[in-house]
Amino acid sequence: MILLHINGKTHIVDVSPDIPLLWVLREHLGLLGAKYGCGIAQCGACTVHIDGKARRSCRTPVGDALGKEITTIEGIPDDHPVKMAWIDDDVPQCGYCQPGQIMAATALLKEKPEPTDEDIDIAMAGNLCRCGTYQRIRRSIHRASKMMAEGVKS
């Protein structure tokens, strides 16, 4: 049995500690926001936060998440500035990568509340968007940063 802290709740799952966290989230807990993209931690569709840091859940063994706080896209409130900026800037096209993009963006803004374009490009480089909405993503991160500086909080 493995005890996990996800989105502020405790979950107990009966899985091997080496199973990828992504499969536990999706198949055992029904948290479908993190997506399977490449399976080799190169696309970012499976991004979650582990103790506040963006991590690829497809390559993270669930055993590595023991005793840590896991946040999935479901744990990011709808009124979070990043989600609101995403909507304002009409970022999603197909939407498949968006949970991973949002998770990477929220982790970036926690670490660097006023990121430069270069900061954004570096932090977001591992999150691929097949629709190519990278300029909108960057604009939305800047918008969310400004909203947070103005006191908009989730």
C-alpha atoms as a PDB file:
ATOM      1  CA  MET A   1       0.000   0.000   0.000  1.00  0.00           C
ATOM      2  CA  ILE A   2       1.233   3.456  -0.898  1.00  0.00           C
ATOM      3  CA  LEU A   3       0.031   6.643   0.763  1.00  0.00           C
ATOM      4  CA  LEU A   4      -0.025   9.719  -1.486  1.00  0.00           C
ATOM      5  CA  HIS A   5      -0.894  13.360  -0.816  1.00  0.00           C
ATOM      6  CA  ILE A   6      -2.557  14.716  -3.947  1.00  0.00           C
ATOM      7  CA  ASN A   7      -4.336  18.046  -4.292  1.00  0.00           C
ATOM      8  CA  GLY A   8      -4.670  18.352  -0.531  1.00  0.00           C
ATOM      9  CA  LYS A   9      -6.171  14.886  -0.034  1.00  0.00           C
ATOM     10  CA  THR A  10      -4.684  11.607   1.100  1.00  0.00           C
ATOM     11  CA  HIS A  11      -5.026   8.573  -1.154  1.00  0.00           C
ATOM     12  CA  ILE A  12      -4.039   4.982  -0.530  1.00  0.00           C
ATOM     13  CA  VAL A  13      -3.223   2.840  -3.563  1.00  0.00           C
ATOM     14  CA  ASP A  14      -2.136  -0.747  -3.825  1.00  0.00           C
ATOM     15  CA  VAL A  15       0.573  -0.548  -6.492  1.00  0.00           C
ATOM     16  CA  SER A  16       4.251  -1.314  -6.894  1.00  0.00           C
ATOM     17  CA  PRO A  17       6.478   1.643  -5.961  1.00  0.00           C
ATOM     18  CA  ASP A  18       8.117   1.551  -9.399  1.00  0.00           C
ATOM     19  CA  ILE A  19       4.913   2.120 -11.411  1.00  0.00           C
ATOM     20  CA  PRO A  20       4.898   5.580 -13.035  1.00  0.00           C
ATOM     21  CA  LEU A  21       2.996   8.209 -11.080  1.00  0.00           C
ATOM     22  CA  LEU A  22       1.047   9.080 -14.251  1.00  0.00           C
ATOM     23  CA  TRP A  23      -0.613   5.659 -14.305  1.00  0.00           C
ATOM     24  CA  VAL A  24      -1.529   5.845 -10.638  1.00  0.00           C
ATOM     25  CA  LEU A  25      -3.108   9.271 -11.174  1.00  0.00           C
ATOM     26  CA  ARG A  26      -5.057   8.251 -14.255  1.00  0.00           C
ATOM     27  CA  GLU A  27      -5.854   4.570 -13.796  1.00  0.00           C
ATOM     28  CA  HIS A  28      -6.151   4.241 -10.024  1.00  0.00           C
ATOM     29  CA  LEU A  29      -7.375   7.666  -8.934  1.00  0.00           C
ATOM     30  CA  GLY A  30      -9.286   8.877 -12.002  1.00  0.00           C
ATOM     31  CA  LEU A  31      -7.313  12.132 -12.225  1.00  0.00           C
ATOM     32  CA  LEU A  32      -7.232  12.427 -16.009  1.00  0.00           C
ATOM     33  CA  GLY A  33      -5.734  15.906 -16.434  1.00  0.00           C
ATOM     34  CA  ALA A  34      -2.128  14.760 -16.783  1.00  0.00           C
ATOM     35  CA  LYS A  35      -1.851  13.192 -20.224  1.00  0.00           C
ATOM     36  CA  TYR A  36       0.285  10.453 -21.695  1.00  0.00           C
ATOM     37  CA  GLY A  37       2.235  11.974 -24.556  1.00  0.00           C
ATOM     38  CA  CYS A  38       5.604  10.405 -25.204  1.00  0.00           C
ATOM     39  CA  GLY A  39       6.325   8.231 -22.161  1.00  0.00           C
ATOM     40  CA  ILE A  40       9.946   9.425 -22.039  1.00  0.00           C
ATOM     41  CA  ALA A  41       9.548  12.790 -20.243  1.00  0.00           C
ATOM     42  CA  GLN A  42      10.211  14.800 -23.396  1.00  0.00           C
ATOM     43  CA  CYS A  43       6.818  16.353 -24.234  1.00  0.00           C
ATOM     44  CA  GLY A  44       5.514  17.664 -20.901  1.00  0.00           C
ATOM     45  CA  ALA A  45       1.898  16.509 -21.305  1.00  0.00           C
ATOM     46  CA  CYS A  46       2.171  14.596 -18.026  1.00  0.00           C
ATOM     47  CA  THR A  47       3.553  17.492 -15.950  1.00  0.00           C
ATOM     48  CA  VAL A  48       2.491  17.679 -12.304  1.00  0.00           C
ATOM     49  CA  HIS A  49       3.979  19.446  -9.284  1.00  0.00           C
ATOM     50  CA  ILE A  50       5.852  17.463  -6.686  1.00  0.00           C
ATOM     51  CA  ASP A  51       6.577  19.664  -3.692  1.00  0.00           C
ATOM     52  CA  GLY A  52       5.946  22.678  -5.924  1.00  0.00           C
ATOM     53  CA  LYS A  53       8.356  21.702  -8.699  1.00  0.00           C
ATOM     54  CA  ALA A  54       7.231  20.746 -12.200  1.00  0.00           C
ATOM     55  CA  ARG A  55       7.934  17.044 -12.780  1.00  0.00           C
ATOM     56  CA  ARG A  56       7.135  14.554 -15.531  1.00  0.00           C
ATOM     57  CA  SER A  57       4.801  11.972 -14.039  1.00  0.00           C
ATOM     58  CA  CYS A  58       5.313   9.463 -16.870  1.00  0.00           C
ATOM     59  CA  ARG A  59       8.878   8.805 -15.694  1.00  0.00           C
ATOM     60  CA  THR A  60       8.502   9.444 -11.972  1.00  0.00           C
ATOM     61  CA  PRO A  61       8.076   6.218 -10.012  1.00  0.00           C
ATOM     62  CA  VAL A  62       5.213   6.580  -7.555  1.00  0.00           C
ATOM     63  CA  GLY A  63       7.625   5.546  -4.800  1.00  0.00           C
ATOM     64  CA  ASP A  64       9.575   8.768  -5.398  1.00  0.00           C
ATOM     65  CA  ALA A  65       6.450  10.776  -4.496  1.00  0.00           C
ATOM     66  CA  LEU A  66       5.997   9.239  -1.039  1.00  0.00           C
ATOM     67  CA  GLY A  67       5.724  11.875   1.658  1.00  0.00           C
ATOM     68  CA  LYS A  68       5.577  14.680  -0.895  1.00  0.00           C
ATOM     69  CA  GLU A  69       2.752  16.986  -1.922  1.00  0.00           C
ATOM     70  CA  ILE A  70       1.554  16.254  -5.444  1.00  0.00           C
ATOM     71  CA  THR A  71      -0.539  18.763  -7.344  1.00  0.00           C
ATOM     72  CA  THR A  72      -2.241  17.954 -10.622  1.00  0.00           C
ATOM     73  CA  ILE A  73      -4.110  20.297 -12.949  1.00  0.00           C
ATOM     74  CA  GLU A  74      -7.251  19.360 -11.019  1.00  0.00           C
ATOM     75  CA  GLY A  75      -5.669  20.946  -7.946  1.00  0.00           C
ATOM     76  CA  ILE A  76      -5.164  24.323  -9.639  1.00  0.00           C
ATOM     77  CA  PRO A  77      -8.313  26.407  -8.997  1.00  0.00           C
ATOM     78  CA  ASP A  78     -10.247  27.757 -11.982  1.00  0.00           C
ATOM     79  CA  ASP A  79      -9.700  31.296 -10.681  1.00  0.00           C
ATOM     80  CA  HIS A  80      -5.915  30.918 -10.620  1.00  0.00           C
ATOM     81  CA  PRO A  81      -4.326  33.769 -12.617  1.00  0.00           C
ATOM     82  CA  VAL A  82      -2.624  31.337 -15.016  1.00  0.00           C
ATOM     83  CA  LYS A  83      -5.904  29.623 -15.897  1.00  0.00           C
ATOM     84  CA  MET A  84      -7.662  32.966 -16.229  1.00  0.00           C
ATOM     85  CA  ALA A  85      -4.882  34.339 -18.467  1.00  0.00           C
ATOM     86  CA  TRP A  86      -5.017  31.173 -20.581  1.00  0.00           C
ATOM     87  CA  ILE A  87      -8.702  31.827 -21.248  1.00  0.00           C
ATOM     88  CA  ASP A  88      -8.222  35.568 -21.795  1.00  0.00           C
ATOM     89  CA  ASP A  89      -5.516  34.917 -24.398  1.00  0.00           C
ATOM     90  CA  ASP A  90      -7.392  32.007 -26.010  1.00  0.00           C
ATOM     91  CA  VAL A  91      -4.321  29.785 -25.681  1.00  0.00           C
ATOM     92  CA  PRO A  92      -5.720  26.281 -26.224  1.00  0.00           C
ATOM     93  CA  GLN A  93      -6.377  24.928 -29.672  1.00  0.00           C
ATOM     94  CA  CYS A  94      -6.611  21.149 -29.418  1.00  0.00           C
ATOM     95  CA  GLY A  95      -5.981  21.421 -25.666  1.00  0.00           C
ATOM     96  CA  TYR A  96      -4.070  18.167 -25.239  1.00  0.00           C
ATOM     97  CA  CYS A  97      -0.882  19.796 -23.917  1.00  0.00           C
ATOM     98  CA  GLN A  98      -2.572  22.527 -21.921  1.00  0.00           C
ATOM     99  CA  PRO A  99      -2.648  20.824 -18.490  1.00  0.00           C
ATOM    100  CA  GLY A 100       1.102  20.237 -18.716  1.00  0.00           C
ATOM    101  CA  GLN A 101       1.693  23.760 -20.014  1.00  0.00           C
ATOM    102  CA  ILE A 102      -0.331  25.273 -17.168  1.00  0.00           C
ATOM    103  CA  MET A 103       1.464  23.158 -14.569  1.00  0.00           C
ATOM    104  CA  ALA A 104       4.856  24.248 -15.919  1.00  0.00           C
ATOM    105  CA  ALA A 105       3.719  27.902 -16.019  1.00  0.00           C
ATOM    106  CA  THR A 106       2.413  27.885 -12.444  1.00  0.00           C
ATOM    107  CA  ALA A 107       5.668  26.329 -11.193  1.00  0.00           C
ATOM    108  CA  LEU A 108       7.651  28.977 -13.081  1.00  0.00           C
ATOM    109  CA  LEU A 109       5.635  31.860 -11.624  1.00  0.00           C
ATOM    110  CA  LYS A 110       6.021  30.468  -8.121  1.00  0.00           C
ATOM    111  CA  GLU A 111       9.788  30.473  -8.578  1.00  0.00           C
ATOM    112  CA  LYS A 112      10.034  33.667 -10.676  1.00  0.00           C
ATOM    113  CA  PRO A 113       7.007  35.927 -10.219  1.00  0.00           C
ATOM    114  CA  GLU A 114       8.184  38.345 -12.931  1.00  0.00           C
ATOM    115  CA  PRO A 115       9.825  36.155 -15.585  1.00  0.00           C
ATOM    116  CA  THR A 116      11.529  37.493 -18.676  1.00  0.00           C
ATOM    117  CA  ASP A 117      10.845  36.041 -22.130  1.00  0.00           C
ATOM    118  CA  GLU A 118      14.061  34.075 -21.729  1.00  0.00           C
ATOM    119  CA  ASP A 119      12.947  32.702 -18.344  1.00  0.00           C
ATOM    120  CA  ILE A 120       9.665  31.607 -19.907  1.00  0.00           C
ATOM    121  CA  ASP A 121      11.343  30.038 -22.927  1.00  0.00           C
ATOM    122  CA  ILE A 122      13.715  28.071 -20.702  1.00  0.00           C
ATOM    123  CA  ALA A 123      11.033  26.924 -18.246  1.00  0.00           C
ATOM    124  CA  MET A 124       8.573  25.982 -20.967  1.00  0.00           C
ATOM    125  CA  ALA A 125      11.060  24.416 -23.422  1.00  0.00           C
ATOM    126  CA  GLY A 126      10.202  20.879 -22.361  1.00  0.00           C
ATOM    127  CA  ASN A 127       6.461  21.328 -22.965  1.00  0.00           C
ATOM    128  CA  LEU A 128       5.568  20.693 -26.581  1.00  0.00           C
ATOM    129  CA  CYS A 129       2.483  22.103 -28.273  1.00  0.00           C
ATOM    130  CA  ARG A 130       1.588  20.464 -31.578  1.00  0.00           C
ATOM    131  CA  CYS A 131      -0.670  23.422 -32.389  1.00  0.00           C
ATOM    132  CA  GLY A 132       2.192  25.890 -31.938  1.00  0.00           C
ATOM    133  CA  THR A 133       0.544  28.317 -29.514  1.00  0.00           C
ATOM    134  CA  TYR A 134       3.892  29.246 -27.978  1.00  0.00           C
ATOM    135  CA  GLN A 135       3.475  33.016 -28.448  1.00  0.00           C
ATOM    136  CA  ARG A 136       0.068  32.902 -26.742  1.00  0.00           C
ATOM    137  CA  ILE A 137       1.510  30.790 -23.947  1.00  0.00           C
ATOM    138  CA  ARG A 138       4.282  33.331 -23.360  1.00  0.00           C
ATOM    139  CA  ARG A 139       1.777  36.223 -23.465  1.00  0.00           C
ATOM    140  CA  SER A 140      -0.459  34.430 -20.967  1.00  0.00           C
ATOM    141  CA  ILE A 141       2.397  33.812 -18.562  1.00  0.00           C
ATOM    142  CA  HIS A 142       3.237  37.525 -18.653  1.00  0.00           C
ATOM    143  CA  ARG A 143      -0.461  38.357 -18.152  1.00  0.00           C
ATOM    144  CA  ALA A 144      -0.713  35.958 -15.190  1.00  0.00           C
ATOM    145  CA  SER A 145       2.462  37.466 -13.707  1.00  0.00           C
ATOM    146  CA  LYS A 146       0.942  40.928 -13.928  1.00  0.00           C
ATOM    147  CA  MET A 147      -2.349  39.722 -12.423  1.00  0.00           C
ATOM    148  CA  MET A 148      -0.482  38.156  -9.523  1.00  0.00           C
ATOM    149  CA  ALA A 149       1.540  41.349  -8.981  1.00  0.00           C
ATOM    150  CA  GLU A 150      -1.765  43.260  -8.861  1.00  0.00           C
ATOM    151  CA  GLY A 151      -3.032  40.939  -6.145  1.00  0.00           C
ATOM    152  CA  VAL A 152      -5.225  38.549  -8.136  1.00  0.00           C
ATOM    153  CA  LYS A 153      -4.914  35.245  -6.313  1.00  0.00           C
ATOM    154  CA  SER A 154      -6.739  31.994  -6.455  1.00  0.00           C
END
